[in-house]
Amino acid sequence: MSRIGKLPIPIPGGVEVTVGSKTVDVKGPKGTISTPVHPAVAYTVDGGNVMVTRTDDSRLARAQHGLRRTLLANCILGVKDGFSKTLEVIGVGYKVAVKGQAVELALGFSHPVLLDLPKGIEAKAEGNKLTLSGVDKQAVGEFAATIRRIRPPEPYKGKGVKYSGEIIRRKAGKSGGKK
């Protein structure tokens, strides 16, 4: 039995979970999100908990058990608290700004890079930090990775876009190896 899959998911106050035939819909103070239902697992809502159980003991059902429980737990956490990722833009002349529903990045190219915000994601720029937040953990992480992919941090000076708290392994330059 999956250690993660057998844990009940507590439903906090203000969050409503509805199990449908194709999706499980979660509604809370931050918004609404849904996750698809897999036929190998069953969802039961009783009291203040949601239990995810597998229908049989096949390899597919065992694989989906913990995954579907975690996806549902992330949905519940997302509508209650939300998820956020912070990116830092490091480099001389590198800037980030939020203009309406777009993020404008000046990353040393001959032109500014404009990225439209996906639906359900909010961005806030403070100095050289960009904070992305939203209900869907996967969407927030994917958009943060898309921004980082434009100019990943380089190992010599550390210039580029990095996650807050990410440690860049630095290399010695040309004169670093000589004595």
N, C-alpha and C. Protein backbone atom coordinates (compact mmCIF):
# COMPACT_ATOMS: atom_id res chain seq x y z
N MET A 1 0.85 -1.18 0.00
CA MET A 1 0.00 0.00 0.00
C MET A 1 0.89 1.24 0.00
N SER A 2 0.51 2.21 -0.78
CA SER A 2 1.26 3.45 -0.89
C SER A 2 1.19 4.22 0.43
N ARG A 3 2.35 4.59 0.94
CA ARG A 3 2.38 5.35 2.20
C ARG A 3 1.70 6.69 2.04
N ILE A 4 1.95 7.32 0.91
CA ILE A 4 1.34 8.63 0.67
C ILE A 4 -0.13 8.47 0.34
N GLY A 5 -0.47 7.49 -0.49
CA GLY A 5 -1.84 7.32 -0.94
C GLY A 5 -2.83 7.00 0.15
N LYS A 6 -2.39 6.30 1.19
CA LYS A 6 -3.34 5.91 2.23
C LYS A 6 -3.61 7.01 3.26
N LEU A 7 -2.88 8.11 3.22
CA LEU A 7 -3.11 9.21 4.16
C LEU A 7 -4.37 9.97 3.77
N PRO A 8 -5.23 10.29 4.72
CA PRO A 8 -6.41 11.11 4.40
C PRO A 8 -5.99 12.55 4.15
N ILE A 9 -6.74 13.23 3.30
CA ILE A 9 -6.48 14.63 3.00
C ILE A 9 -7.48 15.47 3.79
N PRO A 10 -7.03 16.25 4.77
CA PRO A 10 -7.97 17.08 5.53
C PRO A 10 -8.50 18.23 4.67
N ILE A 11 -9.78 18.50 4.80
CA ILE A 11 -10.40 19.62 4.08
C ILE A 11 -10.52 20.78 5.05
N PRO A 12 -9.76 21.87 4.83
CA PRO A 12 -9.84 23.02 5.74
C PRO A 12 -11.16 23.76 5.57
N GLY A 13 -11.46 24.62 6.52
CA GLY A 13 -12.68 25.41 6.47
C GLY A 13 -12.68 26.35 5.28
N GLY A 14 -13.82 26.49 4.63
CA GLY A 14 -13.93 27.36 3.47
C GLY A 14 -13.59 26.69 2.16
N VAL A 15 -13.21 25.42 2.20
CA VAL A 15 -12.87 24.68 0.99
C VAL A 15 -13.94 23.63 0.75
N GLU A 16 -14.39 23.53 -0.49
CA GLU A 16 -15.44 22.58 -0.86
C GLU A 16 -14.91 21.64 -1.93
N VAL A 17 -15.03 20.33 -1.71
CA VAL A 17 -14.54 19.31 -2.65
C VAL A 17 -15.75 18.58 -3.23
N THR A 18 -15.83 18.53 -4.57
CA THR A 18 -16.91 17.84 -5.26
C THR A 18 -16.32 16.80 -6.19
N VAL A 19 -16.70 15.53 -5.99
CA VAL A 19 -16.20 14.44 -6.81
C VAL A 19 -17.18 14.21 -7.95
N GLY A 20 -16.71 14.34 -9.18
CA GLY A 20 -17.52 14.09 -10.36
C GLY A 20 -17.08 12.82 -11.06
N SER A 21 -17.65 12.56 -12.21
CA SER A 21 -17.29 11.34 -12.95
C SER A 21 -15.96 11.50 -13.68
N LYS A 22 -15.64 12.72 -14.13
CA LYS A 22 -14.39 12.94 -14.87
C LYS A 22 -13.36 13.75 -14.10
N THR A 23 -13.82 14.61 -13.18
CA THR A 23 -12.90 15.48 -12.44
C THR A 23 -13.32 15.60 -10.98
N VAL A 24 -12.35 16.00 -10.16
CA VAL A 24 -12.63 16.38 -8.78
C VAL A 24 -12.45 17.88 -8.72
N ASP A 25 -13.52 18.61 -8.40
CA ASP A 25 -13.50 20.06 -8.36
C ASP A 25 -13.28 20.53 -6.93
N VAL A 26 -12.37 21.47 -6.77
CA VAL A 26 -12.05 22.03 -5.45
C VAL A 26 -12.28 23.53 -5.52
N LYS A 27 -13.07 24.05 -4.60
CA LYS A 27 -13.43 25.45 -4.58
C LYS A 27 -13.05 26.02 -3.22
N GLY A 28 -12.37 27.17 -3.24
CA GLY A 28 -11.94 27.77 -1.99
C GLY A 28 -11.82 29.27 -2.10
N PRO A 29 -11.26 29.91 -1.07
CA PRO A 29 -11.19 31.37 -1.06
C PRO A 29 -10.31 31.96 -2.16
N LYS A 30 -9.28 31.25 -2.62
CA LYS A 30 -8.38 31.77 -3.64
C LYS A 30 -8.87 31.50 -5.07
N GLY A 31 -9.82 30.56 -5.23
CA GLY A 31 -10.30 30.26 -6.57
C GLY A 31 -10.81 28.83 -6.68
N THR A 32 -10.94 28.38 -7.91
CA THR A 32 -11.43 27.04 -8.20
C THR A 32 -10.43 26.32 -9.09
N ILE A 33 -10.25 25.04 -8.84
CA ILE A 33 -9.35 24.21 -9.65
C ILE A 33 -9.91 22.80 -9.68
N SER A 34 -9.57 22.08 -10.73
CA SER A 34 -10.03 20.69 -10.81
C SER A 34 -8.88 19.81 -11.25
N THR A 35 -8.95 18.55 -10.85
CA THR A 35 -7.95 17.57 -11.22
C THR A 35 -8.68 16.38 -11.84
N PRO A 36 -8.12 15.75 -12.87
CA PRO A 36 -8.81 14.63 -13.51
C PRO A 36 -8.87 13.40 -12.62
N VAL A 37 -9.92 12.61 -12.82
CA VAL A 37 -10.12 11.36 -12.09
C VAL A 37 -9.56 10.22 -12.93
N HIS A 38 -8.88 9.30 -12.30
CA HIS A 38 -8.39 8.11 -12.98
C HIS A 38 -9.28 6.94 -12.59
N PRO A 39 -9.63 6.06 -13.52
CA PRO A 39 -10.53 4.95 -13.17
C PRO A 39 -9.93 3.94 -12.19
N ALA A 40 -8.64 3.95 -11.99
CA ALA A 40 -8.01 2.98 -11.10
C ALA A 40 -8.08 3.40 -9.63
N VAL A 41 -8.52 4.65 -9.36
CA VAL A 41 -8.63 5.10 -7.97
C VAL A 41 -10.04 5.64 -7.72
N ALA A 42 -10.47 5.54 -6.46
CA ALA A 42 -11.79 6.03 -6.06
C ALA A 42 -11.63 7.08 -4.97
N TYR A 43 -12.48 8.09 -5.02
CA TYR A 43 -12.44 9.19 -4.06
C TYR A 43 -13.69 9.13 -3.19
N THR A 44 -13.51 9.28 -1.87
CA THR A 44 -14.65 9.35 -0.96
C THR A 44 -14.47 10.54 -0.04
N VAL A 45 -15.52 11.36 0.04
CA VAL A 45 -15.50 12.53 0.93
C VAL A 45 -16.37 12.19 2.13
N ASP A 46 -15.75 12.18 3.32
CA ASP A 46 -16.53 11.90 4.53
C ASP A 46 -16.08 12.87 5.62
N GLY A 47 -17.03 13.66 6.10
CA GLY A 47 -16.71 14.63 7.15
C GLY A 47 -15.75 15.68 6.64
N GLY A 48 -14.63 15.80 7.31
CA GLY A 48 -13.64 16.80 6.94
C GLY A 48 -12.44 16.21 6.23
N ASN A 49 -12.57 15.01 5.66
CA ASN A 49 -11.45 14.36 4.99
C ASN A 49 -11.86 13.81 3.63
N VAL A 50 -10.85 13.67 2.77
CA VAL A 50 -11.02 12.98 1.49
C VAL A 50 -10.08 11.79 1.52
N MET A 51 -10.61 10.62 1.20
CA MET A 51 -9.79 9.40 1.12
C MET A 51 -9.67 8.99 -0.34
N VAL A 52 -8.46 8.63 -0.73
CA VAL A 52 -8.21 8.12 -2.08
C VAL A 52 -7.84 6.66 -1.93
N THR A 53 -8.63 5.79 -2.54
CA THR A 53 -8.37 4.34 -2.49
C THR A 53 -8.28 3.80 -3.90
N ARG A 54 -7.51 2.72 -4.05
CA ARG A 54 -7.43 2.13 -5.39
C ARG A 54 -8.46 1.03 -5.54
N THR A 55 -8.93 0.85 -6.77
CA THR A 55 -10.00 -0.10 -7.03
C THR A 55 -9.51 -1.53 -7.07
N ASP A 56 -8.29 -1.74 -7.53
CA ASP A 56 -7.70 -3.08 -7.53
C ASP A 56 -6.23 -2.97 -7.18
N ASP A 57 -5.50 -4.05 -7.28
CA ASP A 57 -4.09 -4.05 -6.88
C ASP A 57 -3.15 -4.17 -8.07
N SER A 58 -3.60 -3.69 -9.23
CA SER A 58 -2.76 -3.77 -10.43
C SER A 58 -1.60 -2.78 -10.32
N ARG A 59 -0.65 -2.95 -11.20
CA ARG A 59 0.52 -2.08 -11.22
C ARG A 59 0.11 -0.63 -11.52
N LEU A 60 -0.82 -0.45 -12.45
CA LEU A 60 -1.29 0.88 -12.81
C LEU A 60 -2.00 1.55 -11.63
N ALA A 61 -2.83 0.79 -10.94
CA ALA A 61 -3.56 1.35 -9.79
C ALA A 61 -2.60 1.74 -8.67
N ARG A 62 -1.59 0.93 -8.45
CA ARG A 62 -0.60 1.26 -7.42
C ARG A 62 0.18 2.51 -7.80
N ALA A 63 0.47 2.67 -9.09
CA ALA A 63 1.21 3.84 -9.55
C ALA A 63 0.36 5.11 -9.43
N GLN A 64 -0.93 5.00 -9.70
CA GLN A 64 -1.80 6.17 -9.69
C GLN A 64 -2.25 6.57 -8.28
N HIS A 65 -2.19 5.64 -7.33
CA HIS A 65 -2.73 5.88 -5.99
C HIS A 65 -2.09 7.09 -5.31
N GLY A 66 -0.78 7.07 -5.15
CA GLY A 66 -0.08 8.17 -4.49
C GLY A 66 -0.09 9.44 -5.33
N LEU A 67 -0.01 9.28 -6.65
CA LEU A 67 -0.01 10.44 -7.53
C LEU A 67 -1.31 11.22 -7.43
N ARG A 68 -2.44 10.52 -7.55
CA ARG A 68 -3.74 11.21 -7.54
C ARG A 68 -4.03 11.82 -6.17
N ARG A 69 -3.56 11.19 -5.11
CA ARG A 69 -3.73 11.76 -3.77
C ARG A 69 -2.94 13.06 -3.64
N THR A 70 -1.71 13.06 -4.16
CA THR A 70 -0.87 14.25 -4.08
C THR A 70 -1.42 15.37 -4.95
N LEU A 71 -1.93 15.04 -6.13
CA LEU A 71 -2.51 16.07 -7.00
C LEU A 71 -3.72 16.72 -6.33
N LEU A 72 -4.56 15.91 -5.69
CA LEU A 72 -5.73 16.45 -5.00
C LEU A 72 -5.32 17.28 -3.79
N ALA A 73 -4.31 16.81 -3.05
CA ALA A 73 -3.82 17.57 -1.89
C ALA A 73 -3.26 18.92 -2.33
N ASN A 74 -2.57 18.96 -3.48
CA ASN A 74 -2.05 20.22 -4.01
C ASN A 74 -3.18 21.16 -4.42
N CYS A 75 -4.27 20.60 -4.96
CA CYS A 75 -5.42 21.43 -5.33
C CYS A 75 -6.03 22.06 -4.09
N ILE A 76 -6.19 21.28 -3.04
CA ILE A 76 -6.78 21.80 -1.80
C ILE A 76 -5.88 22.86 -1.18
N LEU A 77 -4.58 22.60 -1.16
CA LEU A 77 -3.63 23.58 -0.63
C LEU A 77 -3.61 24.85 -1.48
N GLY A 78 -3.74 24.69 -2.80
CA GLY A 78 -3.71 25.83 -3.71
C GLY A 78 -4.89 26.76 -3.53
N VAL A 79 -6.10 26.22 -3.36
CA VAL A 79 -7.26 27.10 -3.21
C VAL A 79 -7.33 27.71 -1.81
N LYS A 80 -6.63 27.11 -0.86
CA LYS A 80 -6.61 27.65 0.51
C LYS A 80 -5.52 28.73 0.64
N ASP A 81 -4.28 28.37 0.33
CA ASP A 81 -3.15 29.28 0.53
C ASP A 81 -2.56 29.82 -0.77
N GLY A 82 -2.57 29.03 -1.83
CA GLY A 82 -1.94 29.41 -3.08
C GLY A 82 -0.48 28.99 -3.10
N PHE A 83 0.12 29.03 -4.27
CA PHE A 83 1.52 28.69 -4.45
C PHE A 83 2.24 29.89 -5.03
N SER A 84 3.52 30.04 -4.71
CA SER A 84 4.29 31.14 -5.29
C SER A 84 5.73 30.69 -5.53
N LYS A 85 6.33 31.31 -6.54
CA LYS A 85 7.73 31.11 -6.87
C LYS A 85 8.34 32.50 -7.03
N THR A 86 9.54 32.67 -6.51
CA THR A 86 10.24 33.94 -6.64
C THR A 86 11.48 33.75 -7.49
N LEU A 87 11.61 34.61 -8.50
CA LEU A 87 12.77 34.59 -9.39
C LEU A 87 13.58 35.86 -9.16
N GLU A 88 14.91 35.74 -9.25
CA GLU A 88 15.79 36.89 -9.12
C GLU A 88 16.49 37.11 -10.45
N VAL A 89 16.53 38.36 -10.89
CA VAL A 89 17.20 38.74 -12.12
C VAL A 89 18.50 39.42 -11.72
N ILE A 90 19.63 38.79 -12.07
CA ILE A 90 20.94 39.29 -11.64
C ILE A 90 21.77 39.65 -12.86
N GLY A 91 22.30 40.86 -12.90
CA GLY A 91 23.16 41.30 -13.98
C GLY A 91 23.04 42.80 -14.17
N VAL A 92 24.09 43.40 -14.69
CA VAL A 92 24.10 44.83 -14.93
C VAL A 92 23.14 45.13 -16.08
N GLY A 93 22.17 45.99 -15.82
CA GLY A 93 21.19 46.35 -16.84
C GLY A 93 20.04 45.37 -16.98
N TYR A 94 20.05 44.30 -16.22
CA TYR A 94 18.95 43.32 -16.28
C TYR A 94 17.80 43.83 -15.41
N LYS A 95 16.61 43.89 -15.99
CA LYS A 95 15.46 44.42 -15.26
C LYS A 95 14.24 43.55 -15.52
N VAL A 96 13.29 43.63 -14.59
CA VAL A 96 12.01 42.95 -14.74
C VAL A 96 10.91 43.93 -14.36
N ALA A 97 9.81 43.89 -15.13
CA ALA A 97 8.66 44.75 -14.84
C ALA A 97 7.39 44.03 -15.24
N VAL A 98 6.32 44.30 -14.52
CA VAL A 98 5.01 43.74 -14.85
C VAL A 98 4.18 44.86 -15.44
N LYS A 99 3.72 44.66 -16.67
CA LYS A 99 2.91 45.67 -17.36
C LYS A 99 1.59 45.04 -17.75
N GLY A 100 0.56 45.29 -16.94
CA GLY A 100 -0.75 44.72 -17.20
C GLY A 100 -0.73 43.20 -17.04
N GLN A 101 -1.04 42.49 -18.10
CA GLN A 101 -1.04 41.02 -18.08
C GLN A 101 0.19 40.47 -18.77
N ALA A 102 1.30 41.20 -18.71
CA ALA A 102 2.54 40.75 -19.34
C ALA A 102 3.72 41.04 -18.42
N VAL A 103 4.75 40.23 -18.56
CA VAL A 103 6.00 40.42 -17.84
C VAL A 103 7.03 40.87 -18.87
N GLU A 104 7.68 42.01 -18.59
CA GLU A 104 8.71 42.53 -19.49
C GLU A 104 10.07 42.31 -18.85
N LEU A 105 10.95 41.64 -19.58
CA LEU A 105 12.28 41.32 -19.09
C LEU A 105 13.33 41.97 -19.98
N ALA A 106 14.27 42.68 -19.38
CA ALA A 106 15.44 43.19 -20.09
C ALA A 106 16.61 42.34 -19.63
N LEU A 107 17.08 41.43 -20.49
CA LEU A 107 18.08 40.44 -20.09
C LEU A 107 19.33 40.48 -20.96
N GLY A 108 19.69 41.66 -21.46
CA GLY A 108 20.91 41.77 -22.23
C GLY A 108 20.74 41.48 -23.71
N PHE A 109 19.53 41.22 -24.16
CA PHE A 109 19.29 41.03 -25.58
C PHE A 109 19.11 42.41 -26.22
N SER A 110 19.03 42.47 -27.54
CA SER A 110 18.84 43.75 -28.22
C SER A 110 17.41 44.25 -28.10
N HIS A 111 16.53 43.44 -27.53
CA HIS A 111 15.12 43.79 -27.41
C HIS A 111 14.60 43.31 -26.06
N PRO A 112 13.57 43.96 -25.52
CA PRO A 112 12.97 43.43 -24.29
C PRO A 112 12.15 42.18 -24.61
N VAL A 113 12.10 41.26 -23.67
CA VAL A 113 11.34 40.03 -23.84
C VAL A 113 10.00 40.21 -23.13
N LEU A 114 8.91 40.06 -23.88
CA LEU A 114 7.56 40.19 -23.32
C LEU A 114 6.93 38.81 -23.24
N LEU A 115 6.42 38.45 -22.07
CA LEU A 115 5.73 37.18 -21.87
C LEU A 115 4.35 37.47 -21.30
N ASP A 116 3.32 36.93 -21.94
CA ASP A 116 1.96 37.07 -21.42
C ASP A 116 1.77 36.14 -20.24
N LEU A 117 1.11 36.64 -19.21
CA LEU A 117 0.83 35.82 -18.03
C LEU A 117 -0.25 34.79 -18.37
N PRO A 118 -0.03 33.53 -18.02
CA PRO A 118 -1.09 32.54 -18.22
C PRO A 118 -2.28 32.83 -17.32
N LYS A 119 -3.42 32.27 -17.69
CA LYS A 119 -4.64 32.49 -16.92
C LYS A 119 -4.47 31.90 -15.52
N GLY A 120 -4.83 32.68 -14.50
CA GLY A 120 -4.76 32.20 -13.13
C GLY A 120 -3.44 32.47 -12.43
N ILE A 121 -2.50 33.14 -13.10
CA ILE A 121 -1.20 33.44 -12.48
C ILE A 121 -1.05 34.95 -12.36
N GLU A 122 -0.64 35.40 -11.18
CA GLU A 122 -0.40 36.81 -10.94
C GLU A 122 1.10 37.02 -10.76
N ALA A 123 1.58 38.17 -11.19
CA ALA A 123 3.00 38.49 -11.06
C ALA A 123 3.16 39.83 -10.36
N LYS A 124 4.24 39.92 -9.57
CA LYS A 124 4.54 41.15 -8.86
C LYS A 124 6.05 41.35 -8.91
N ALA A 125 6.49 42.51 -9.37
CA ALA A 125 7.92 42.80 -9.48
C ALA A 125 8.32 43.82 -8.43
N GLU A 126 9.38 43.50 -7.70
CA GLU A 126 9.95 44.42 -6.70
C GLU A 126 11.45 44.47 -6.93
N GLY A 127 11.91 45.55 -7.52
CA GLY A 127 13.34 45.65 -7.83
C GLY A 127 13.70 44.60 -8.88
N ASN A 128 14.64 43.74 -8.54
CA ASN A 128 15.05 42.68 -9.46
C ASN A 128 14.45 41.34 -9.08
N LYS A 129 13.38 41.34 -8.31
CA LYS A 129 12.71 40.10 -7.92
C LYS A 129 11.33 40.05 -8.56
N LEU A 130 10.98 38.89 -9.07
CA LEU A 130 9.67 38.66 -9.66
C LEU A 130 9.00 37.53 -8.90
N THR A 131 7.83 37.80 -8.35
CA THR A 131 7.08 36.79 -7.60
C THR A 131 5.87 36.39 -8.40
N LEU A 132 5.78 35.10 -8.72
CA LEU A 132 4.64 34.54 -9.43
C LEU A 132 3.79 33.78 -8.44
N SER A 133 2.48 33.97 -8.49
CA SER A 133 1.61 33.27 -7.55
C SER A 133 0.34 32.85 -8.27
N GLY A 134 -0.25 31.76 -7.76
CA GLY A 134 -1.48 31.25 -8.35
C GLY A 134 -1.98 30.05 -7.57
N VAL A 135 -3.09 29.50 -8.04
CA VAL A 135 -3.75 28.38 -7.38
C VAL A 135 -3.14 27.05 -7.83
N ASP A 136 -2.73 26.97 -9.09
CA ASP A 136 -2.24 25.72 -9.68
C ASP A 136 -0.72 25.63 -9.54
N LYS A 137 -0.25 24.67 -8.77
CA LYS A 137 1.17 24.50 -8.51
C LYS A 137 1.95 24.22 -9.79
N GLN A 138 1.39 23.39 -10.65
CA GLN A 138 2.05 23.02 -11.90
C GLN A 138 2.17 24.23 -12.83
N ALA A 139 1.13 25.04 -12.94
CA ALA A 139 1.15 26.20 -13.83
C ALA A 139 2.14 27.25 -13.35
N VAL A 140 2.20 27.48 -12.04
CA VAL A 140 3.14 28.47 -11.48
C VAL A 140 4.58 28.01 -11.72
N GLY A 141 4.86 26.75 -11.44
CA GLY A 141 6.20 26.22 -11.64
C GLY A 141 6.62 26.20 -13.10
N GLU A 142 5.68 25.87 -13.99
CA GLU A 142 5.99 25.82 -15.42
C GLU A 142 6.28 27.21 -15.97
N PHE A 143 5.51 28.22 -15.55
CA PHE A 143 5.76 29.57 -16.04
C PHE A 143 7.08 30.12 -15.49
N ALA A 144 7.39 29.80 -14.23
CA ALA A 144 8.67 30.21 -13.65
C ALA A 144 9.83 29.57 -14.41
N ALA A 145 9.68 28.30 -14.78
CA ALA A 145 10.73 27.61 -15.53
C ALA A 145 10.87 28.20 -16.94
N THR A 146 9.75 28.63 -17.53
CA THR A 146 9.79 29.25 -18.85
C THR A 146 10.57 30.56 -18.80
N ILE A 147 10.35 31.35 -17.75
CA ILE A 147 11.09 32.61 -17.61
C ILE A 147 12.57 32.34 -17.37
N ARG A 148 12.89 31.37 -16.53
CA ARG A 148 14.28 31.05 -16.22
C ARG A 148 15.00 30.54 -17.46
N ARG A 149 14.28 29.82 -18.33
CA ARG A 149 14.87 29.22 -19.52
C ARG A 149 15.34 30.28 -20.53
N ILE A 150 14.81 31.50 -20.45
CA ILE A 150 15.20 32.56 -21.38
C ILE A 150 16.66 32.93 -21.18
N ARG A 151 17.08 33.09 -19.93
CA ARG A 151 18.48 33.41 -19.63
C ARG A 151 18.86 32.74 -18.33
N PRO A 152 19.23 31.43 -18.38
CA PRO A 152 19.62 30.76 -17.13
C PRO A 152 20.91 31.35 -16.58
N PRO A 153 21.14 31.23 -15.28
CA PRO A 153 22.36 31.82 -14.70
C PRO A 153 23.61 31.14 -15.22
N GLU A 154 24.59 31.95 -15.56
CA GLU A 154 25.83 31.38 -16.07
C GLU A 154 26.83 31.20 -14.93
N PRO A 155 27.75 30.25 -15.05
CA PRO A 155 28.58 29.86 -13.90
C PRO A 155 29.75 30.79 -13.58
N TYR A 156 30.08 31.75 -14.45
CA TYR A 156 31.26 32.57 -14.20
C TYR A 156 30.94 33.82 -13.38
N LYS A 157 29.94 34.58 -13.77
CA LYS A 157 29.56 35.78 -13.01
C LYS A 157 28.22 35.62 -12.31
N GLY A 158 27.48 34.59 -12.64
CA GLY A 158 26.18 34.35 -12.02
C GLY A 158 25.06 35.18 -12.62
N LYS A 159 25.30 35.80 -13.79
CA LYS A 159 24.29 36.63 -14.43
C LYS A 159 23.18 35.76 -15.01
N GLY A 160 21.95 36.25 -14.91
CA GLY A 160 20.83 35.54 -15.49
C GLY A 160 19.64 35.53 -14.54
N VAL A 161 18.69 34.65 -14.82
CA VAL A 161 17.47 34.52 -14.02
C VAL A 161 17.59 33.25 -13.20
N LYS A 162 17.46 33.37 -11.89
CA LYS A 162 17.55 32.21 -11.01
C LYS A 162 16.41 32.22 -10.03
N TYR A 163 16.12 31.05 -9.48
CA TYR A 163 15.12 30.95 -8.43
C TYR A 163 15.68 31.56 -7.15
N SER A 164 14.82 32.12 -6.33
CA SER A 164 15.25 32.65 -5.05
C SER A 164 15.71 31.47 -4.18
N GLY A 165 16.88 31.55 -3.64
CA GLY A 165 17.41 30.47 -2.82
C GLY A 165 18.23 29.45 -3.61
N GLU A 166 18.24 29.55 -4.93
CA GLU A 166 19.02 28.62 -5.75
C GLU A 166 20.49 28.97 -5.62
N ILE A 167 21.31 27.96 -5.50
CA ILE A 167 22.75 28.17 -5.37
C ILE A 167 23.40 27.88 -6.72
N ILE A 168 24.13 28.85 -7.23
CA ILE A 168 24.80 28.71 -8.51
C ILE A 168 26.22 28.23 -8.25
N ARG A 169 26.57 27.10 -8.83
CA ARG A 169 27.95 26.61 -8.69
C ARG A 169 28.83 27.45 -9.60
N ARG A 170 29.78 28.16 -9.00
CA ARG A 170 30.62 29.09 -9.74
C ARG A 170 31.89 28.39 -10.19
N LYS A 171 32.40 28.86 -11.35
CA LYS A 171 33.65 28.35 -11.88
C LYS A 171 34.70 29.46 -11.82
N ALA A 172 35.94 29.05 -11.73
CA ALA A 172 37.02 30.03 -11.79
C ALA A 172 37.18 30.47 -13.24
N GLY A 173 37.55 31.71 -13.43
CA GLY A 173 37.74 32.24 -14.78
C GLY A 173 39.04 31.78 -15.39
N LYS A 174 39.54 32.53 -16.39
CA LYS A 174 40.76 32.16 -17.08
C LYS A 174 41.95 32.09 -16.14
N SER A 175 42.07 33.10 -15.27
CA SER A 175 43.24 33.16 -14.40
C SER A 175 43.07 32.32 -13.14
N GLY A 176 41.94 31.68 -12.97
CA GLY A 176 41.68 30.93 -11.74
C GLY A 176 42.53 29.68 -11.63
N GLY A 177 42.93 29.08 -12.72
CA GLY A 177 43.65 27.83 -12.66
C GLY A 177 45.16 28.00 -12.64
N LYS A 178 45.66 29.19 -12.98
CA LYS A 178 47.10 29.42 -13.06
C LYS A 178 47.65 29.85 -11.71
N LYS A 179 48.94 29.54 -11.50
CA LYS A 179 49.62 29.99 -10.30
C LYS A 179 50.98 30.50 -10.63
